Amino acid sequence: MFMSIKHGYGYQSYDYMPEYRIKGQTDWQKLSIVLDIPSEPNAEILFGVMFKGQGEVYFDEFKFEEVGYDIDVTGETKIRGNQGRPSNLSFESSVVKNQPN
């Protein structure tokens, strides 16, 4: 299971649960991901399951809920550098890369 939150100023919070892998047939388990969500009004929240091989995954009682600061986050937050910022947004640059001959 994973969740990723991309929000303003180049921040990304994420948890891909690398230490917890579900293998084989298992009984129902409660799994939680706790991430800080920014106060900015626009954030992109991605969540789901990474699946390898054959089988099925079921979710029940899936929900988002607010928790207090007494609950530790399970993931990490990173700040992206300037390399992730768009460039040539006005399409004024005449340099074209990877153009076929």
Protein backbone atom coordinates (compact mmCIF):
# COMPACT_ATOMS: atom_id res chain seq x y z
CA MET A 1 0.00 0.00 0.00
CA PHE A 2 1.27 3.51 -0.67
CA MET A 3 0.31 7.16 -0.35
CA SER A 4 2.03 10.23 -1.72
CA ILE A 5 1.13 13.90 -1.23
CA LYS A 6 2.62 16.53 -3.52
CA HIS A 7 2.08 20.08 -2.41
CA GLY A 8 3.35 23.62 -2.87
CA TYR A 9 6.91 24.87 -2.74
CA GLY A 10 8.36 21.56 -3.95
CA TYR A 11 7.44 19.40 -0.97
CA GLN A 12 6.44 15.77 -1.26
CA SER A 13 5.35 13.54 1.62
CA TYR A 14 5.18 9.82 0.97
CA ASP A 15 5.03 6.36 2.46
CA TYR A 16 5.49 3.27 0.29
CA MET A 17 5.58 0.95 3.33
CA PRO A 18 8.90 -0.67 2.28
CA GLU A 19 9.27 -2.57 5.57
CA TYR A 20 5.85 -4.17 5.28
CA ARG A 21 5.14 -6.54 2.41
CA ILE A 22 2.01 -8.68 2.22
CA LYS A 23 2.79 -12.06 0.73
CA GLY A 24 0.49 -14.99 0.18
CA GLN A 25 -2.99 -15.33 1.59
CA THR A 26 -3.58 -13.37 4.79
CA ASP A 27 -6.48 -12.54 7.06
CA TRP A 28 -7.90 -9.03 7.26
CA GLN A 29 -5.45 -6.53 8.71
CA LYS A 30 -5.75 -2.89 9.64
CA LEU A 31 -3.07 -0.86 7.87
CA SER A 32 -2.48 2.86 8.33
CA ILE A 33 -0.38 5.52 6.67
CA VAL A 34 0.08 8.82 8.50
CA LEU A 35 1.44 11.81 6.57
CA ASP A 36 1.49 15.55 7.22
CA ILE A 37 -0.81 17.41 4.86
CA PRO A 38 -0.01 21.04 4.10
CA SER A 39 -2.29 23.95 4.90
CA GLU A 40 -2.08 25.13 1.26
CA PRO A 41 -5.40 24.65 -0.55
CA ASN A 42 -3.95 22.60 -3.42
CA ALA A 43 -2.36 19.23 -2.83
CA GLU A 44 -2.30 16.11 -4.96
CA ILE A 45 -2.98 12.93 -3.01
CA LEU A 46 -2.12 9.60 -4.65
CA PHE A 47 -2.81 6.27 -2.98
CA GLY A 48 -3.15 2.64 -3.93
CA VAL A 49 -1.50 -0.73 -3.93
CA MET A 50 1.62 -1.88 -5.73
CA PHE A 51 0.94 -5.38 -6.93
CA LYS A 52 3.33 -8.02 -8.24
CA GLY A 53 2.15 -11.33 -9.68
CA GLN A 54 -1.33 -12.80 -9.57
CA GLY A 55 -3.95 -12.44 -6.91
CA GLU A 56 -6.51 -10.06 -5.47
CA VAL A 57 -6.52 -7.19 -3.00
CA TYR A 58 -9.59 -6.04 -1.08
CA PHE A 59 -10.15 -2.83 0.90
CA ASP A 60 -12.82 -2.39 3.53
CA GLU A 61 -13.66 0.68 5.60
CA PHE A 62 -11.16 2.81 3.69
CA LYS A 63 -11.10 6.36 5.08
CA PHE A 64 -9.10 9.53 5.55
CA GLU A 65 -9.13 10.96 9.03
CA GLU A 66 -7.41 13.75 10.90
CA VAL A 67 -5.15 12.70 13.76
CA GLY A 68 -3.33 14.72 16.37
CA TYR A 69 0.36 15.52 16.55
CA ASP A 70 0.70 12.78 19.16
CA ILE A 71 0.50 10.24 16.30
CA ASP A 72 3.84 9.79 14.52
CA VAL A 73 4.02 10.07 10.73
CA THR A 74 4.90 6.81 8.98
CA GLY A 75 6.56 8.29 5.90
CA GLU A 76 9.02 10.95 4.84
CA THR A 77 8.95 14.49 3.45
CA LYS A 78 11.39 15.69 0.82
CA ILE A 79 12.01 19.03 -0.82
CA ARG A 80 12.56 18.91 -4.56
CA GLY A 81 15.28 21.12 -6.01
CA ASN A 82 14.99 23.54 -8.90
CA GLN A 83 15.54 20.74 -11.43
CA GLY A 84 11.86 19.85 -11.16
CA ARG A 85 10.62 23.28 -12.20
CA PRO A 86 9.23 23.84 -15.70
CA SER A 87 11.12 25.91 -18.23
CA ASN A 88 10.39 27.62 -21.56
CA LEU A 89 6.73 28.08 -20.65
CA SER A 90 6.35 30.82 -23.27
CA PHE A 91 7.75 28.51 -26.01
CA GLU A 92 10.14 31.32 -26.99
CA SER A 93 13.27 29.16 -26.92
CA SER A 94 14.30 27.88 -30.35
CA VAL A 95 16.31 24.95 -28.99
CA VAL A 96 14.64 21.63 -29.76
CA LYS A 97 16.16 18.46 -28.33
CA ASN A 98 15.75 14.88 -29.51
CA GLN A 99 14.31 15.85 -32.87
CA PRO A 100 14.51 12.98 -35.42
CA ASN A 101 16.53 13.56 -38.60
